[in-house]
Amino acid sequence: MQDKIRIPKYPPAKILKIFENFRYFLVRLSRKLTPANVAIIEMVQGFYVTRAIGVAAELNLAEHLKEYEKPISELALLSNSHEESLYRLMRMLASQGIFIEKRNKMFANNRLSNTLLNRKDSMRHMVIHQVNGINWKMFEELNHVVKTGENAAQKILGMDVFKYLEKKPDKNEIYNQAMTNSSLMLSYAILSEYNFSRANTIIDIGGGQGILLSMILNKYKKIKGIVFDLPHVIEGAQAIAEQYGVSDRLETISGNFFENVPQGGDMYFLKSIVHNLSDDQCIEILKKIKAVLPENGKILIFEPIIENDNTYSFAKLYDIQMLVGRNGGKERTKEEFKMIIEQSGLKLNKIIKTAAPFCILELKN
């Protein structure tokens, strides 16, 4: 059955930025009003909550509470867990606003725990991916990374993290689902801000399972699309295309964008790709796309942009993930984007802010 896209109505990006700044002003104010030694310990102990959320996702606790509230004894039985230990975990999470603890050790879902349900807009797989063994171990090597500049994946795995995932189908499946989780959230924001009506054929380079392209094709009935990625990555793309009723207009092509990119598109996407790459690799990929880009064609890059100020920034936060996991990968400032774009022989036409912590960079010949 074809899914109908209902795009959430987001406030303008400027309004959201004001709200975000105010929200983090309150966080900083709270820390300033707290004794410094207490505030720093509270920040350090944040990993208790992080790992507990990960366990809740792994045990599928939200799904077990989907229909109605349950006593801890039943929840322990359903999740094959030790009852007292599970209660202590759930008690702590409820105190943090994740799940609700009621009388007599009864628990129920709430707004935050609902994000861990097994549904389309779930963040469950993203949570599992963020706190699973490999990612956790990479962050244990942050000291080594900072002192040597060597990425943690190379140190603990002896190979690039994507090559590792290729060899581990179970972990690759979690990663693909995690990217689909985050792509759905980002896709809503992109569809709200960008008009794709002038495109004829869109080619999504490194497009994963193709959820962004499927959603665009669902809304714009005359556009055709191609998802281009490694064979083990695009396995689920056709199923998602069928879910959105666009399988007759969406094609999958397997390949490596370091070797070549498909021809025939008048618009090319790079979503969450550039931040995985060094400057030289970015320039190499952009030059490959430029070589097949029509004169009036466009390239859209979807990435966070680091602001040159001392305010809270998702991009600055996620840049640490790139630091530990990618060899040369990083989040970039506007100036750094301009540099790689100009060295590729392309022009930055405009930057569009979205309701998500990502921007759309529109490039042209």
Protein backbone atom coordinates (compact mmCIF):
# COMPACT_ATOMS: atom_id res chain seq x y z
CA MET A 1 0.00 0.00 0.00
CA GLN A 2 1.36 3.43 -1.00
CA ASP A 3 2.28 5.73 1.86
CA LYS A 4 0.96 9.26 1.62
CA ILE A 5 3.43 11.88 2.74
CA ARG A 6 2.14 14.28 5.34
CA ILE A 7 4.83 16.91 5.68
CA PRO A 8 4.86 18.49 9.15
CA LYS A 9 4.39 22.25 9.19
CA TYR A 10 7.59 23.61 10.67
CA PRO A 11 8.06 27.20 11.80
CA PRO A 12 10.55 29.20 9.69
CA ALA A 13 14.19 28.19 10.23
CA LYS A 14 14.97 31.62 11.74
CA ILE A 15 12.27 31.18 14.39
CA LEU A 16 13.55 27.69 15.21
CA LYS A 17 17.08 29.06 15.56
CA ILE A 18 15.86 31.70 18.02
CA PHE A 19 14.07 29.00 20.02
CA GLU A 20 17.16 26.76 19.93
CA ASN A 21 19.39 29.58 21.17
CA PHE A 22 16.93 30.38 23.97
CA ARG A 23 16.71 26.72 24.97
CA TYR A 24 20.48 26.42 25.27
CA PHE A 25 20.70 29.79 27.00
CA LEU A 26 18.53 28.23 29.73
CA VAL A 27 20.81 25.18 29.84
CA ARG A 28 23.87 27.39 30.23
CA LEU A 29 22.10 29.55 32.80
CA SER A 30 21.24 26.45 34.81
CA ARG A 31 24.89 25.44 34.78
CA LYS A 32 26.01 28.92 35.83
CA LEU A 33 23.60 28.81 38.77
CA THR A 34 24.94 25.41 39.82
CA PRO A 35 28.25 25.06 41.69
CA ALA A 36 30.92 24.39 39.07
CA ASN A 37 32.08 21.08 40.54
CA VAL A 38 28.47 19.83 40.61
CA ALA A 39 27.73 21.04 37.08
CA ILE A 40 30.77 19.32 35.58
CA ILE A 41 29.98 16.03 37.32
CA GLU A 42 26.40 16.18 36.07
CA MET A 43 27.69 16.65 32.53
CA VAL A 44 30.16 13.77 32.86
CA GLN A 45 27.50 11.46 34.26
CA GLY A 46 25.36 12.08 31.20
CA PHE A 47 26.72 8.86 29.74
CA TYR A 48 24.69 6.94 32.35
CA VAL A 49 21.54 8.17 30.63
CA THR A 50 22.99 7.65 27.15
CA ARG A 51 23.78 4.00 27.77
CA ALA A 52 20.48 3.41 29.57
CA ILE A 53 18.53 4.74 26.58
CA GLY A 54 20.58 2.40 24.40
CA VAL A 55 19.64 -0.60 26.56
CA ALA A 56 15.97 0.44 26.48
CA ALA A 57 16.17 0.50 22.68
CA GLU A 58 18.00 -2.84 22.49
CA LEU A 59 15.44 -4.50 24.79
CA ASN A 60 12.57 -2.93 22.81
CA LEU A 61 10.98 -1.71 26.05
CA ALA A 62 8.87 1.01 24.42
CA GLU A 63 7.33 -1.54 22.07
CA HIS A 64 6.44 -3.77 25.02
CA LEU A 65 4.56 -0.79 26.52
CA LYS A 66 2.92 0.19 23.24
CA GLU A 67 -0.63 -0.93 23.98
CA TYR A 68 -0.91 -0.17 27.68
CA GLU A 69 1.06 0.37 30.89
CA LYS A 70 2.60 -2.70 32.50
CA PRO A 71 4.06 -3.71 35.86
CA ILE A 72 7.81 -4.18 35.98
CA SER A 73 7.33 -7.93 36.48
CA GLU A 74 5.57 -8.28 33.12
CA LEU A 75 8.03 -5.95 31.40
CA ALA A 76 10.92 -8.05 32.72
CA LEU A 77 9.27 -11.21 31.42
CA LEU A 78 8.63 -9.74 27.97
CA SER A 79 12.18 -8.43 27.65
CA ASN A 80 13.84 -11.48 29.23
CA SER A 81 15.42 -9.26 31.89
CA HIS A 82 16.27 -9.42 35.58
CA GLU A 83 13.30 -7.75 37.28
CA GLU A 84 15.06 -5.72 39.98
CA SER A 85 17.83 -4.55 37.63
CA LEU A 86 15.29 -3.57 34.98
CA TYR A 87 13.28 -1.65 37.56
CA ARG A 88 16.34 0.39 38.56
CA LEU A 89 17.02 1.18 34.91
CA MET A 90 13.41 2.20 34.24
CA ARG A 91 13.23 4.24 37.45
CA MET A 92 16.26 6.26 36.40
CA LEU A 93 14.99 6.78 32.84
CA ALA A 94 11.59 7.89 34.13
CA SER A 95 13.31 10.42 36.40
CA GLN A 96 14.96 11.82 33.24
CA GLY A 97 11.61 12.19 31.46
CA ILE A 98 11.88 8.98 29.43
CA PHE A 99 8.94 6.67 30.25
CA ILE A 100 6.51 7.33 33.12
CA GLU A 101 6.67 5.54 36.45
CA LYS A 102 3.31 5.10 38.14
CA ARG A 103 2.25 3.51 41.40
CA ASN A 104 3.24 -0.05 42.28
CA LYS A 105 6.12 -0.13 39.80
CA MET A 106 3.88 0.36 36.79
CA PHE A 107 5.43 1.94 33.69
CA ALA A 108 4.02 3.61 30.60
CA ASN A 109 5.32 5.31 27.47
CA ASN A 110 5.51 9.07 27.04
CA ARG A 111 6.54 11.50 24.29
CA LEU A 112 10.25 10.65 24.50
CA SER A 113 9.97 6.89 24.88
CA ASN A 114 7.54 6.82 21.93
CA THR A 115 10.50 7.70 19.69
CA LEU A 116 11.80 4.18 20.42
CA LEU A 117 8.70 2.43 19.09
CA ASN A 118 9.01 0.26 15.98
CA ARG A 119 7.32 2.68 13.61
CA LYS A 120 8.33 4.67 10.56
CA ASP A 121 9.43 7.80 12.43
CA SER A 122 11.27 5.77 15.08
CA MET A 123 14.74 6.71 16.28
CA ARG A 124 15.30 3.26 17.81
CA HIS A 125 17.88 2.02 15.31
CA MET A 126 19.71 5.34 15.39
CA VAL A 127 19.95 5.06 19.19
CA ILE A 128 21.24 1.48 18.94
CA HIS A 129 23.77 2.52 16.30
CA GLN A 130 24.99 5.46 18.39
CA VAL A 131 25.57 3.44 21.56
CA ASN A 132 26.42 0.01 20.14
CA GLY A 133 29.76 -1.68 20.74
CA ILE A 134 31.75 -0.21 17.86
CA ASN A 135 30.71 3.42 18.30
CA TRP A 136 31.15 3.17 22.06
CA LYS A 137 34.63 1.69 21.66
CA MET A 138 35.60 4.40 19.19
CA PHE A 139 34.78 7.10 21.73
CA GLU A 140 36.90 5.27 24.30
CA GLU A 141 39.80 6.13 21.97
CA LEU A 142 39.06 9.87 21.84
CA ASN A 143 42.20 10.63 23.87
CA HIS A 144 44.29 8.69 21.34
CA VAL A 145 42.59 10.49 18.44
CA VAL A 146 43.21 13.94 19.92
CA LYS A 147 46.86 13.18 20.68
CA THR A 148 47.76 11.45 17.39
CA GLY A 149 45.21 12.50 14.78
CA GLU A 150 44.60 8.83 13.93
CA ASN A 151 40.91 7.94 13.69
CA ALA A 152 39.67 5.41 16.22
CA ALA A 153 38.11 3.05 13.67
CA GLN A 154 41.51 2.41 12.13
CA LYS A 155 43.01 1.74 15.56
CA ILE A 156 40.40 -0.69 16.89
CA LEU A 157 39.16 -2.28 13.65
CA GLY A 158 42.24 -2.03 11.47
CA MET A 159 40.07 -0.78 8.62
CA ASP A 160 37.62 1.90 7.54
CA VAL A 161 34.31 1.66 9.41
CA PHE A 162 32.33 1.22 6.18
CA LYS A 163 34.54 -1.69 5.12
CA TYR A 164 33.90 -3.20 8.55
CA LEU A 165 30.13 -2.83 8.12
CA GLU A 166 30.36 -4.50 4.73
CA LYS A 167 31.83 -7.57 6.46
CA LYS A 168 29.23 -7.57 9.28
CA PRO A 169 25.69 -7.94 7.84
CA ASP A 170 23.98 -7.69 11.24
CA LYS A 171 25.69 -4.40 12.12
CA ASN A 172 25.25 -3.13 8.57
CA GLU A 173 21.49 -3.71 8.87
CA ILE A 174 21.35 -1.63 12.07
CA TYR A 175 23.40 1.11 10.40
CA ASN A 176 21.14 1.17 7.33
CA GLN A 177 18.04 1.36 9.52
CA ALA A 178 19.66 4.14 11.58
CA MET A 179 20.36 6.16 8.44
CA THR A 180 16.76 5.61 7.31
CA ASN A 181 15.54 6.84 10.72
CA SER A 182 17.55 10.06 10.45
CA SER A 183 16.82 10.48 6.73
CA LEU A 184 13.09 10.52 7.38
CA MET A 185 13.42 13.40 9.84
CA LEU A 186 15.69 15.32 7.47
CA SER A 187 13.55 14.57 4.41
CA TYR A 188 10.52 16.31 5.92
CA ALA A 189 12.62 19.44 6.47
CA ILE A 190 14.04 19.32 2.93
CA LEU A 191 10.63 18.87 1.31
CA SER A 192 9.34 21.83 3.31
CA GLU A 193 12.08 24.18 2.07
CA TYR A 194 13.05 23.18 -1.48
CA ASN A 195 11.02 23.11 -4.70
CA PHE A 196 12.09 20.17 -6.87
CA SER A 197 9.50 20.71 -9.62
CA ARG A 198 12.06 21.72 -12.27
CA ALA A 199 14.09 18.52 -11.92
CA ASN A 200 13.64 15.68 -14.40
CA THR A 201 16.00 13.00 -13.12
CA ILE A 202 17.58 13.12 -9.67
CA ILE A 203 20.57 10.91 -8.87
CA ASP A 204 21.27 10.42 -5.16
CA ILE A 205 24.98 9.66 -4.77
CA GLY A 206 25.52 7.48 -1.72
CA GLY A 207 21.75 7.53 -1.29
CA GLY A 208 21.52 4.51 1.00
CA GLN A 209 18.07 2.96 0.99
CA GLY A 210 16.65 5.92 -0.89
CA ILE A 211 14.06 7.24 1.52
CA LEU A 212 14.70 10.91 0.64
CA LEU A 213 14.40 10.24 -3.09
CA SER A 214 11.32 8.05 -2.63
CA MET A 215 9.60 10.82 -0.67
CA ILE A 216 10.46 13.41 -3.33
CA LEU A 217 9.17 11.17 -6.13
CA ASN A 218 6.01 10.55 -4.12
CA LYS A 219 5.32 14.30 -4.03
CA TYR A 220 6.57 15.18 -7.54
CA LYS A 221 4.91 12.71 -9.91
CA LYS A 222 6.92 13.56 -13.06
CA ILE A 223 10.41 13.16 -11.60
CA LYS A 224 12.49 10.01 -12.04
CA GLY A 225 15.24 9.00 -9.65
CA ILE A 226 18.33 6.84 -9.28
CA VAL A 227 19.80 5.72 -5.97
CA PHE A 228 23.52 5.03 -6.33
CA ASP A 229 25.41 3.27 -3.54
CA LEU A 230 27.36 0.16 -2.62
CA PRO A 231 25.55 -3.16 -3.25
CA HIS A 232 25.11 -4.08 0.42
CA VAL A 233 23.73 -0.61 1.18
CA ILE A 234 20.97 -0.31 -1.44
CA GLU A 235 19.40 -3.71 -0.78
CA GLY A 236 16.32 -2.21 0.85
CA ALA A 237 15.82 0.71 -1.55
CA GLN A 238 13.28 -0.97 -3.83
CA ALA A 239 11.14 -2.04 -0.88
CA ILE A 240 11.02 1.57 0.35
CA ALA A 241 10.22 2.77 -3.19
CA GLU A 242 7.30 0.33 -3.32
CA GLN A 243 6.14 1.55 0.08
CA TYR A 244 5.92 5.09 -1.33
CA GLY A 245 4.42 3.97 -4.63
CA VAL A 246 7.36 5.10 -6.78
CA SER A 247 9.09 1.84 -7.73
CA ASP A 248 8.23 2.42 -11.41
CA ARG A 249 10.21 5.69 -11.35
CA LEU A 250 13.07 4.81 -9.01
CA GLU A 251 16.07 2.80 -10.17
CA THR A 252 18.94 1.47 -8.09
CA ILE A 253 22.49 1.28 -9.40
CA SER A 254 25.29 -0.25 -7.37
CA GLY A 255 28.77 1.17 -7.52
CA ASN A 256 31.51 3.12 -5.78
CA PHE A 257 31.45 6.90 -6.16
CA PHE A 258 35.23 7.00 -5.90
CA GLU A 259 35.33 5.11 -9.20
CA ASN A 260 32.46 6.67 -11.16
CA VAL A 261 29.02 8.26 -10.90
CA PRO A 262 26.00 7.58 -13.12
CA GLN A 263 25.23 9.88 -16.02
CA GLY A 264 21.79 11.14 -17.00
CA GLY A 265 20.76 13.30 -14.07
CA ASP A 266 20.01 17.00 -14.14
CA MET A 267 20.19 17.12 -10.34
CA TYR A 268 22.60 15.25 -8.06
CA PHE A 269 22.35 14.77 -4.30
CA LEU A 270 25.09 14.36 -1.71
CA LYS A 271 23.31 13.87 1.63
CA SER A 272 25.43 13.15 4.69
CA ILE A 273 28.30 12.15 2.39
CA VAL A 274 30.62 15.15 2.35
CA HIS A 275 31.19 15.10 6.11
CA ASN A 276 32.58 11.56 5.83
CA LEU A 277 35.30 12.70 3.43
CA SER A 278 38.54 14.67 3.51
CA ASP A 279 38.77 17.89 1.51
CA ASP A 280 40.68 16.13 -1.28
CA GLN A 281 38.09 13.34 -1.45
CA CYS A 282 35.24 15.89 -1.57
CA ILE A 283 36.90 17.70 -4.45
CA GLU A 284 37.44 14.40 -6.26
CA ILE A 285 33.75 13.41 -5.96
CA LEU A 286 32.48 16.86 -6.92
CA LYS A 287 34.70 16.88 -10.00
CA LYS A 288 33.30 13.48 -11.03
CA ILE A 289 29.74 14.82 -10.74
CA LYS A 290 30.66 18.05 -12.55
CA ALA A 291 31.97 15.98 -15.47
CA VAL A 292 28.49 14.49 -16.06
CA LEU A 293 26.41 17.50 -14.93
CA PRO A 294 24.40 19.28 -17.68
CA GLU A 295 25.09 22.98 -18.18
CA ASN A 296 21.98 23.98 -16.22
CA GLY A 297 22.18 21.08 -13.77
CA LYS A 298 22.44 21.40 -10.00
CA ILE A 299 24.14 19.59 -7.16
CA LEU A 300 22.53 19.69 -3.72
CA ILE A 301 24.64 19.02 -0.64
CA PHE A 302 22.74 18.33 2.60
CA GLU A 303 24.99 18.88 5.61
CA PRO A 304 25.21 20.80 8.90
CA ILE A 305 27.24 24.01 8.75
CA ILE A 306 29.44 25.10 11.65
CA GLU A 307 28.82 28.70 12.68
CA ASN A 308 31.77 30.88 13.68
CA ASP A 309 30.50 31.69 17.16
CA ASN A 310 30.47 30.23 20.65
CA THR A 311 26.84 29.08 20.68
CA TYR A 312 25.46 25.55 20.84
CA SER A 313 25.81 23.76 17.52
CA PHE A 314 24.71 20.30 16.39
CA ALA A 315 27.45 20.52 13.77
CA LYS A 316 30.16 21.11 16.39
CA LEU A 317 28.82 18.21 18.43
CA TYR A 318 28.56 15.77 15.53
CA ASP A 319 31.99 16.83 14.31
CA ILE A 320 33.42 14.79 17.19
CA GLN A 321 31.73 11.70 15.73
CA MET A 322 33.52 12.44 12.47
CA LEU A 323 36.78 13.00 14.36
CA VAL A 324 36.77 9.55 15.96
CA GLY A 325 35.25 7.59 13.10
CA ARG A 326 36.38 9.05 9.79
CA ASN A 327 39.82 9.57 8.32
CA GLY A 328 39.72 13.23 7.29
CA GLY A 329 35.97 13.53 7.62
CA LYS A 330 34.58 16.58 9.42
CA GLU A 331 31.71 19.03 9.65
CA ARG A 332 32.57 22.27 7.87
CA THR A 333 32.14 26.01 8.10
CA LYS A 334 30.67 28.00 5.21
CA GLU A 335 34.18 29.09 4.25
CA GLU A 336 35.43 25.49 4.20
CA PHE A 337 32.52 24.47 1.97
CA LYS A 338 33.27 27.37 -0.38
CA MET A 339 36.88 26.25 -0.66
CA ILE A 340 36.12 22.67 -1.75
CA ILE A 341 33.34 23.84 -4.07
CA GLU A 342 35.52 26.42 -5.82
CA GLN A 343 38.41 23.98 -6.14
CA SER A 344 35.99 21.58 -7.84
CA GLY A 345 35.24 24.19 -10.50
CA LEU A 346 31.69 24.70 -9.23
CA LYS A 347 29.83 27.69 -7.80
CA LEU A 348 27.88 27.93 -4.56
CA ASN A 349 24.57 29.38 -5.71
CA LYS A 350 22.79 29.59 -2.35
CA ILE A 351 22.45 28.10 1.12
CA ILE A 352 19.00 27.26 2.47
CA LYS A 353 18.52 26.68 6.18
CA THR A 354 15.98 24.05 7.21
CA ALA A 355 14.03 23.13 10.32
CA ALA A 356 16.49 20.28 10.85
CA PRO A 357 20.09 20.99 11.90
CA PHE A 358 21.09 20.63 8.23
CA CYS A 359 21.41 23.14 5.40
CA ILE A 360 20.88 22.74 1.67
CA LEU A 361 23.85 23.95 -0.37
CA GLU A 362 22.86 24.46 -4.00
CA LEU A 363 25.76 24.20 -6.46
CA LYS A 364 25.85 24.93 -10.18
CA ASN A 365 28.35 25.03 -13.05
